[in-house]
Amino acid sequence: MRRRLSTLIGRLRTAGGTRRRWRWLRRAAVAGVVGAALLTGGTVASVTWIRDGAQGHVFAEADVPEAPVALVLGTKVHPDGTPSPFLTARLEIARRLFVAGKVRAVLLSGDNMNADYDEPTAMRRWLLGNGVPAEKIVLDYAGFDTYDSCARAKRIFGVERATVVTQSFHLPRAVAVCRRLGVDASGVGDETARAYARTWQVSSTREYGACVKAAVDLLSGRDPAHLGRRETGVDDALRGA
């Protein structure tokens, strides 16, 4: 009798433990589904809101309206200090805009967080080597991301109107962020870097997450990583142009 009672109790405990595990698994599954739905909804909403902000302000190079400044956003520089193909393409568009008189100065905004990595200087070197006068080039060494570049263009360099230059997959976000931060921005996007198909595809896919971050940055109104005093470099470059 005792043995049967012990066996019965053991079975009941096992059954109870199994039910608890199933309840936990069901709750975890429901939480996962809800979390995935919220993440998907938040991503779609962010991408839509960001891209709506650029609607009507993205142009082909031949059609972009004139602006005082081209804001060229930095990206990868090779260890030898030469711009990557993606960055070279951006710089080539800015050069052509300057030569065509569509812009009168060029603001190069990139990452120089570490002493051994310097996007703005590499960008300047390329423009100088391709005929853009030194006095028309302004460097922003603290453009650590798109939000920082746009915020600093407005708050540190006093840019009111600009043509943003980057790759076409990045352009709607860049233009929208600048506009929502108070810069009257239009944009021209590079398509030539599509030749680097894998990098283009990976970067394009990352834009979904980047739009979520941009929405959070804009809604929170965060300050860029570095502010500082007002700089007159853009004003000097435009003076006498």
C-alpha atoms as a PDB file:
ATOM      1  CA  MET A   1       0.000   0.000   0.000  1.00  0.00           C
ATOM      2  CA  ARG A   2       2.713   2.462   0.934  1.00  0.00           C
ATOM      3  CA  ARG A   3       4.565   1.660  -2.268  1.00  0.00           C
ATOM      4  CA  ARG A   4       1.450   2.283  -4.378  1.00  0.00           C
ATOM      5  CA  LEU A   5       0.760   5.563  -2.549  1.00  0.00           C
ATOM      6  CA  SER A   6       4.344   6.677  -3.090  1.00  0.00           C
ATOM      7  CA  THR A   7       4.121   5.818  -6.782  1.00  0.00           C
ATOM      8  CA  LEU A   8       0.852   7.719  -7.133  1.00  0.00           C
ATOM      9  CA  ILE A   9       2.287  10.806  -5.427  1.00  0.00           C
ATOM     10  CA  GLY A  10       5.343  10.657  -7.696  1.00  0.00           C
ATOM     11  CA  ARG A  11       3.165  10.517 -10.788  1.00  0.00           C
ATOM     12  CA  LEU A  12       1.095  13.457  -9.610  1.00  0.00           C
ATOM     13  CA  ARG A  13       4.217  15.493  -8.941  1.00  0.00           C
ATOM     14  CA  THR A  14       5.579  14.634 -12.377  1.00  0.00           C
ATOM     15  CA  ALA A  15       2.290  15.610 -13.989  1.00  0.00           C
ATOM     16  CA  GLY A  16       2.204  18.845 -12.034  1.00  0.00           C
ATOM     17  CA  GLY A  17       5.772  19.684 -13.060  1.00  0.00           C
ATOM     18  CA  THR A  18       4.956  18.947 -16.695  1.00  0.00           C
ATOM     19  CA  ARG A  19       1.927  21.245 -16.584  1.00  0.00           C
ATOM     20  CA  ARG A  20       4.018  24.021 -15.047  1.00  0.00           C
ATOM     21  CA  ARG A  21       6.640  23.618 -17.763  1.00  0.00           C
ATOM     22  CA  TRP A  22       3.976  23.753 -20.471  1.00  0.00           C
ATOM     23  CA  ARG A  23       2.451  26.873 -18.924  1.00  0.00           C
ATOM     24  CA  TRP A  24       5.893  28.515 -18.865  1.00  0.00           C
ATOM     25  CA  LEU A  25       6.523  27.518 -22.474  1.00  0.00           C
ATOM     26  CA  ARG A  26       3.133  28.871 -23.557  1.00  0.00           C
ATOM     27  CA  ARG A  27       3.747  32.162 -21.774  1.00  0.00           C
ATOM     28  CA  ALA A  28       7.206  32.415 -23.319  1.00  0.00           C
ATOM     29  CA  ALA A  29       5.777  31.718 -26.767  1.00  0.00           C
ATOM     30  CA  VAL A  30       3.066  34.364 -26.338  1.00  0.00           C
ATOM     31  CA  ALA A  31       5.634  36.878 -25.082  1.00  0.00           C
ATOM     32  CA  GLY A  32       7.830  36.096 -28.070  1.00  0.00           C
ATOM     33  CA  VAL A  33       4.994  36.615 -30.533  1.00  0.00           C
ATOM     34  CA  VAL A  34       3.954  39.881 -28.870  1.00  0.00           C
ATOM     35  CA  GLY A  35       7.565  41.084 -28.780  1.00  0.00           C
ATOM     36  CA  ALA A  36       8.076  40.240 -32.458  1.00  0.00           C
ATOM     37  CA  ALA A  37       4.859  42.063 -33.374  1.00  0.00           C
ATOM     38  CA  LEU A  38       5.892  45.146 -31.421  1.00  0.00           C
ATOM     39  CA  LEU A  39       9.373  45.098 -32.972  1.00  0.00           C
ATOM     40  CA  THR A  40       7.960  44.734 -36.472  1.00  0.00           C
ATOM     41  CA  GLY A  41       5.361  47.439 -35.895  1.00  0.00           C
ATOM     42  CA  GLY A  42       7.932  49.793 -34.400  1.00  0.00           C
ATOM     43  CA  THR A  43      10.319  49.223 -37.298  1.00  0.00           C
ATOM     44  CA  VAL A  44       7.620  49.812 -39.929  1.00  0.00           C
ATOM     45  CA  ALA A  45       6.427  52.956 -38.153  1.00  0.00           C
ATOM     46  CA  SER A  46       9.979  54.302 -37.810  1.00  0.00           C
ATOM     47  CA  VAL A  47      10.899  53.631 -41.433  1.00  0.00           C
ATOM     48  CA  THR A  48       7.655  55.230 -42.647  1.00  0.00           C
ATOM     49  CA  TRP A  49       8.062  58.304 -40.434  1.00  0.00           C
ATOM     50  CA  ILE A  50      11.694  58.808 -41.419  1.00  0.00           C
ATOM     51  CA  ARG A  51      11.120  58.340 -45.140  1.00  0.00           C
ATOM     52  CA  ASP A  52       8.095  60.622 -45.108  1.00  0.00           C
ATOM     53  CA  GLY A  53      10.400  63.342 -43.818  1.00  0.00           C
ATOM     54  CA  ALA A  54      12.470  63.132 -46.996  1.00  0.00           C
ATOM     55  CA  GLN A  55       9.533  63.002 -49.400  1.00  0.00           C
ATOM     56  CA  GLY A  56       9.995  65.550 -52.188  1.00  0.00           C
ATOM     57  CA  HIS A  57      13.533  66.449 -51.133  1.00  0.00           C
ATOM     58  CA  VAL A  58      15.569  63.706 -52.841  1.00  0.00           C
ATOM     59  CA  PHE A  59      16.786  64.620 -56.326  1.00  0.00           C
ATOM     60  CA  ALA A  60      18.840  63.439 -59.242  1.00  0.00           C
ATOM     61  CA  GLU A  61      22.142  65.297 -59.416  1.00  0.00           C
ATOM     62  CA  ALA A  62      21.057  67.321 -62.462  1.00  0.00           C
ATOM     63  CA  ASP A  63      17.828  68.430 -60.793  1.00  0.00           C
ATOM     64  CA  VAL A  64      18.894  69.216 -57.229  1.00  0.00           C
ATOM     65  CA  PRO A  65      18.336  72.882 -56.342  1.00  0.00           C
ATOM     66  CA  GLU A  66      21.276  75.076 -55.484  1.00  0.00           C
ATOM     67  CA  ALA A  67      22.317  75.316 -51.853  1.00  0.00           C
ATOM     68  CA  PRO A  68      25.134  77.126 -50.074  1.00  0.00           C
ATOM     69  CA  VAL A  69      26.699  73.941 -48.698  1.00  0.00           C
ATOM     70  CA  ALA A  70      27.134  70.290 -49.614  1.00  0.00           C
ATOM     71  CA  LEU A  71      27.117  68.144 -46.486  1.00  0.00           C
ATOM     72  CA  VAL A  72      29.123  65.019 -47.313  1.00  0.00           C
ATOM     73  CA  LEU A  73      28.651  62.244 -44.766  1.00  0.00           C
ATOM     74  CA  GLY A  74      31.688  60.148 -43.942  1.00  0.00           C
ATOM     75  CA  THR A  75      32.102  56.406 -44.216  1.00  0.00           C
ATOM     76  CA  LYS A  76      34.948  53.895 -44.316  1.00  0.00           C
ATOM     77  CA  VAL A  77      38.526  55.004 -44.944  1.00  0.00           C
ATOM     78  CA  HIS A  78      41.184  52.399 -45.704  1.00  0.00           C
ATOM     79  CA  PRO A  79      44.187  51.939 -43.357  1.00  0.00           C
ATOM     80  CA  ASP A  80      46.428  53.746 -45.866  1.00  0.00           C
ATOM     81  CA  GLY A  81      44.197  56.839 -45.576  1.00  0.00           C
ATOM     82  CA  THR A  82      42.433  56.527 -48.923  1.00  0.00           C
ATOM     83  CA  PRO A  83      38.633  56.753 -49.086  1.00  0.00           C
ATOM     84  CA  SER A  84      36.684  53.557 -49.692  1.00  0.00           C
ATOM     85  CA  PRO A  85      34.760  53.303 -52.989  1.00  0.00           C
ATOM     86  CA  PHE A  86      31.537  54.299 -51.199  1.00  0.00           C
ATOM     87  CA  LEU A  87      33.164  57.436 -49.786  1.00  0.00           C
ATOM     88  CA  THR A  88      34.939  58.235 -53.054  1.00  0.00           C
ATOM     89  CA  ALA A  89      31.592  58.157 -54.846  1.00  0.00           C
ATOM     90  CA  ARG A  90      30.138  60.646 -52.362  1.00  0.00           C
ATOM     91  CA  LEU A  91      33.117  62.955 -52.772  1.00  0.00           C
ATOM     92  CA  GLU A  92      32.898  62.798 -56.558  1.00  0.00           C
ATOM     93  CA  ILE A  93      29.268  63.958 -56.433  1.00  0.00           C
ATOM     94  CA  ALA A  94      30.218  66.828 -54.119  1.00  0.00           C
ATOM     95  CA  ARG A  95      33.050  67.810 -56.461  1.00  0.00           C
ATOM     96  CA  ARG A  96      30.719  67.880 -59.443  1.00  0.00           C
ATOM     97  CA  LEU A  97      28.138  69.913 -57.529  1.00  0.00           C
ATOM     98  CA  PHE A  98      30.838  72.439 -56.635  1.00  0.00           C
ATOM     99  CA  VAL A  99      32.158  72.660 -60.195  1.00  0.00           C
ATOM    100  CA  ALA A 100      28.613  73.103 -61.515  1.00  0.00           C
ATOM    101  CA  GLY A 101      27.986  75.962 -59.058  1.00  0.00           C
ATOM    102  CA  LYS A 102      25.235  74.016 -57.302  1.00  0.00           C
ATOM    103  CA  VAL A 103      27.062  74.460 -53.981  1.00  0.00           C
ATOM    104  CA  ARG A 104      29.609  77.033 -52.861  1.00  0.00           C
ATOM    105  CA  ALA A 105      31.248  75.197 -49.975  1.00  0.00           C
ATOM    106  CA  VAL A 106      31.653  71.607 -48.825  1.00  0.00           C
ATOM    107  CA  LEU A 107      31.246  70.442 -45.214  1.00  0.00           C
ATOM    108  CA  LEU A 108      32.930  67.072 -44.656  1.00  0.00           C
ATOM    109  CA  SER A 109      31.505  65.353 -41.591  1.00  0.00           C
ATOM    110  CA  GLY A 110      33.010  62.100 -40.385  1.00  0.00           C
ATOM    111  CA  ASP A 111      34.588  60.013 -37.666  1.00  0.00           C
ATOM    112  CA  ASN A 112      37.867  60.987 -36.023  1.00  0.00           C
ATOM    113  CA  MET A 113      37.209  59.426 -32.632  1.00  0.00           C
ATOM    114  CA  ASN A 114      40.602  57.680 -32.661  1.00  0.00           C
ATOM    115  CA  ALA A 115      43.921  59.270 -33.561  1.00  0.00           C
ATOM    116  CA  ASP A 116      44.661  56.571 -36.149  1.00  0.00           C
ATOM    117  CA  TYR A 117      41.329  56.896 -37.972  1.00  0.00           C
ATOM    118  CA  ASP A 118      40.400  60.171 -39.638  1.00  0.00           C
ATOM    119  CA  GLU A 119      37.618  60.336 -42.204  1.00  0.00           C
ATOM    120  CA  PRO A 120      37.401  64.145 -42.639  1.00  0.00           C
ATOM    121  CA  THR A 121      41.112  64.562 -43.383  1.00  0.00           C
ATOM    122  CA  ALA A 122      41.030  61.737 -45.930  1.00  0.00           C
ATOM    123  CA  MET A 123      37.993  63.349 -47.549  1.00  0.00           C
ATOM    124  CA  ARG A 124      39.697  66.735 -47.667  1.00  0.00           C
ATOM    125  CA  ARG A 125      42.825  65.233 -49.216  1.00  0.00           C
ATOM    126  CA  TRP A 126      40.759  63.662 -51.973  1.00  0.00           C
ATOM    127  CA  LEU A 127      38.889  66.885 -52.775  1.00  0.00           C
ATOM    128  CA  LEU A 128      42.093  68.909 -52.817  1.00  0.00           C
ATOM    129  CA  GLY A 129      43.633  66.398 -55.205  1.00  0.00           C
ATOM    130  CA  ASN A 130      40.602  66.754 -57.447  1.00  0.00           C
ATOM    131  CA  GLY A 131      40.497  70.501 -57.776  1.00  0.00           C
ATOM    132  CA  VAL A 132      38.318  71.805 -54.944  1.00  0.00           C
ATOM    133  CA  PRO A 133      40.013  74.835 -53.314  1.00  0.00           C
ATOM    134  CA  ALA A 134      41.115  74.421 -49.702  1.00  0.00           C
ATOM    135  CA  GLU A 135      39.270  77.548 -48.609  1.00  0.00           C
ATOM    136  CA  LYS A 136      35.966  76.033 -49.712  1.00  0.00           C
ATOM    137  CA  ILE A 137      36.348  72.898 -47.614  1.00  0.00           C
ATOM    138  CA  VAL A 138      35.245  72.702 -43.965  1.00  0.00           C
ATOM    139  CA  LEU A 139      35.879  69.731 -41.668  1.00  0.00           C
ATOM    140  CA  ASP A 140      33.689  68.328 -38.919  1.00  0.00           C
ATOM    141  CA  TYR A 141      35.693  65.744 -36.985  1.00  0.00           C
ATOM    142  CA  ALA A 142      32.799  64.674 -34.737  1.00  0.00           C
ATOM    143  CA  GLY A 143      30.277  63.380 -37.261  1.00  0.00           C
ATOM    144  CA  PHE A 144      30.139  59.986 -35.594  1.00  0.00           C
ATOM    145  CA  ASP A 145      26.777  59.089 -37.116  1.00  0.00           C
ATOM    146  CA  THR A 146      24.141  60.641 -39.348  1.00  0.00           C
ATOM    147  CA  TYR A 147      22.280  62.253 -36.456  1.00  0.00           C
ATOM    148  CA  ASP A 148      25.456  63.837 -35.062  1.00  0.00           C
ATOM    149  CA  SER A 149      26.504  65.116 -38.497  1.00  0.00           C
ATOM    150  CA  CYS A 150      23.137  66.785 -39.093  1.00  0.00           C
ATOM    151  CA  ALA A 151      22.844  68.172 -35.555  1.00  0.00           C
ATOM    152  CA  ARG A 152      26.363  69.595 -35.641  1.00  0.00           C
ATOM    153  CA  ALA A 153      25.854  71.066 -39.122  1.00  0.00           C
ATOM    154  CA  LYS A 154      23.005  73.118 -37.667  1.00  0.00           C
ATOM    155  CA  ARG A 155      24.171  73.819 -34.116  1.00  0.00           C
ATOM    156  CA  ILE A 156      27.947  74.097 -34.497  1.00  0.00           C
ATOM    157  CA  PHE A 157      28.464  75.226 -38.093  1.00  0.00           C
ATOM    158  CA  GLY A 158      25.291  77.283 -38.482  1.00  0.00           C
ATOM    159  CA  VAL A 159      24.130  75.539 -41.677  1.00  0.00           C
ATOM    160  CA  GLU A 160      20.575  76.556 -42.577  1.00  0.00           C
ATOM    161  CA  ARG A 161      20.325  75.009 -46.044  1.00  0.00           C
ATOM    162  CA  ALA A 162      22.342  72.169 -47.535  1.00  0.00           C
ATOM    163  CA  THR A 163      22.549  69.419 -50.101  1.00  0.00           C
ATOM    164  CA  VAL A 164      23.244  66.116 -48.373  1.00  0.00           C
ATOM    165  CA  VAL A 165      25.440  63.666 -50.278  1.00  0.00           C
ATOM    166  CA  THR A 166      25.581  59.940 -49.549  1.00  0.00           C
ATOM    167  CA  GLN A 167      24.533  56.631 -51.140  1.00  0.00           C
ATOM    168  CA  SER A 168      20.925  56.430 -52.313  1.00  0.00           C
ATOM    169  CA  PHE A 169      19.910  53.752 -49.774  1.00  0.00           C
ATOM    170  CA  HIS A 170      21.073  56.047 -46.948  1.00  0.00           C
ATOM    171  CA  LEU A 171      19.811  59.302 -48.433  1.00  0.00           C
ATOM    172  CA  PRO A 172      16.155  59.364 -47.249  1.00  0.00           C
ATOM    173  CA  ARG A 173      17.217  58.882 -43.632  1.00  0.00           C
ATOM    174  CA  ALA A 174      20.013  61.455 -43.898  1.00  0.00           C
ATOM    175  CA  VAL A 175      17.761  64.087 -45.497  1.00  0.00           C
ATOM    176  CA  ALA A 176      14.904  63.424 -43.077  1.00  0.00           C
ATOM    177  CA  VAL A 177      17.138  63.661 -40.006  1.00  0.00           C
ATOM    178  CA  CYS A 178      18.653  66.928 -41.192  1.00  0.00           C
ATOM    179  CA  ARG A 179      15.254  68.405 -41.984  1.00  0.00           C
ATOM    180  CA  ARG A 180      13.758  67.350 -38.646  1.00  0.00           C
ATOM    181  CA  LEU A 181      16.751  68.983 -36.928  1.00  0.00           C
ATOM    182  CA  GLY A 182      16.138  72.308 -38.657  1.00  0.00           C
ATOM    183  CA  VAL A 183      18.331  72.149 -41.762  1.00  0.00           C
ATOM    184  CA  ASP A 184      16.499  72.862 -45.015  1.00  0.00           C
ATOM    185  CA  ALA A 185      18.048  69.841 -46.707  1.00  0.00           C
ATOM    186  CA  SER A 186      17.796  68.314 -50.141  1.00  0.00           C
ATOM    187  CA  GLY A 187      19.806  65.292 -51.152  1.00  0.00           C
ATOM    188  CA  VAL A 188      21.654  63.581 -53.977  1.00  0.00           C
ATOM    189  CA  GLY A 189      22.380  59.866 -53.766  1.00  0.00           C
ATOM    190  CA  ASP A 190      25.133  57.805 -55.342  1.00  0.00           C
ATOM    191  CA  GLU A 191      24.197  54.684 -57.285  1.00  0.00           C
ATOM    192  CA  THR A 192      27.617  53.718 -58.660  1.00  0.00           C
ATOM    193  CA  ALA A 193      28.543  51.804 -55.498  1.00  0.00           C
ATOM    194  CA  ARG A 194      25.887  49.257 -56.396  1.00  0.00           C
ATOM    195  CA  ALA A 195      28.777  47.566 -58.185  1.00  0.00           C
ATOM    196  CA  TYR A 196      29.792  46.336 -54.713  1.00  0.00           C
ATOM    197  CA  ALA A 197      26.635  44.269 -54.528  1.00  0.00           C
ATOM    198  CA  ARG A 198      27.140  42.439 -51.238  1.00  0.00           C
ATOM    199  CA  THR A 199      28.194  45.551 -49.281  1.00  0.00           C
ATOM    200  CA  TRP A 200      25.327  47.504 -50.832  1.00  0.00           C
ATOM    201  CA  GLN A 201      22.807  44.829 -49.870  1.00  0.00           C
ATOM    202  CA  VAL A 202      24.060  44.512 -46.293  1.00  0.00           C
ATOM    203  CA  SER A 203      24.080  48.280 -45.845  1.00  0.00           C
ATOM    204  CA  SER A 204      20.612  48.618 -47.361  1.00  0.00           C
ATOM    205  CA  THR A 205      19.254  45.996 -44.974  1.00  0.00           C
ATOM    206  CA  ARG A 206      20.800  47.764 -41.995  1.00  0.00           C
ATOM    207  CA  GLU A 207      18.810  50.867 -42.871  1.00  0.00           C
ATOM    208  CA  TYR A 208      15.727  49.389 -41.190  1.00  0.00           C
ATOM    209  CA  GLY A 209      17.447  49.275 -37.822  1.00  0.00           C
ATOM    210  CA  ALA A 210      19.112  52.634 -38.498  1.00  0.00           C
ATOM    211  CA  CYS A 211      15.683  54.207 -39.055  1.00  0.00           C
ATOM    212  CA  VAL A 212      14.539  52.949 -35.663  1.00  0.00           C
ATOM    213  CA  LYS A 213      17.630  54.490 -34.034  1.00  0.00           C
ATOM    214  CA  ALA A 214      17.079  57.742 -35.936  1.00  0.00           C
ATOM    215  CA  ALA A 215      13.467  57.908 -34.762  1.00  0.00           C
ATOM    216  CA  VAL A 216      14.547  57.340 -31.162  1.00  0.00           C
ATOM    217  CA  ASP A 217      17.261  60.003 -31.472  1.00  0.00           C
ATOM    218  CA  LEU A 218      14.857  62.540 -32.942  1.00  0.00           C
ATOM    219  CA  LEU A 219      12.032  61.875 -30.522  1.00  0.00           C
ATOM    220  CA  SER A 220      14.381  62.010 -27.527  1.00  0.00           C
ATOM    221  CA  GLY A 221      16.082  65.151 -28.842  1.00  0.00           C
ATOM    222  CA  ARG A 222      19.476  63.859 -27.720  1.00  0.00           C
ATOM    223  CA  ASP A 223      22.556  66.026 -28.048  1.00  0.00           C
ATOM    224  CA  PRO A 224      25.299  64.834 -30.398  1.00  0.00           C
ATOM    225  CA  ALA A 225      28.269  63.114 -28.760  1.00  0.00           C
ATOM    226  CA  HIS A 226      30.276  66.352 -28.946  1.00  0.00           C
ATOM    227  CA  LEU A 227      29.023  69.915 -29.135  1.00  0.00           C
ATOM    228  CA  GLY A 228      31.308  72.817 -28.296  1.00  0.00           C
ATOM    229  CA  ARG A 229      31.472  76.417 -29.397  1.00  0.00           C
ATOM    230  CA  ARG A 230      30.014  77.789 -32.602  1.00  0.00           C
ATOM    231  CA  GLU A 231      32.466  77.456 -35.490  1.00  0.00           C
ATOM    232  CA  THR A 232      32.612  79.894 -38.376  1.00  0.00           C
ATOM    233  CA  GLY A 233      34.268  77.640 -40.942  1.00  0.00           C
ATOM    234  CA  VAL A 234      31.241  77.446 -43.218  1.00  0.00           C
ATOM    235  CA  ASP A 235      30.673  81.201 -42.999  1.00  0.00           C
ATOM    236  CA  ASP A 236      34.322  81.777 -43.951  1.00  0.00           C
ATOM    237  CA  ALA A 237      34.101  79.354 -46.868  1.00  0.00           C
ATOM    238  CA  LEU A 238      30.993  81.102 -48.187  1.00  0.00           C
ATOM    239  CA  ARG A 239      32.390  84.577 -47.765  1.00  0.00           C
ATOM    240  CA  GLY A 240      33.301  86.042 -51.141  1.00  0.00           C
ATOM    241  CA  ALA A 241      31.955  83.011 -53.018  1.00  0.00           C
END
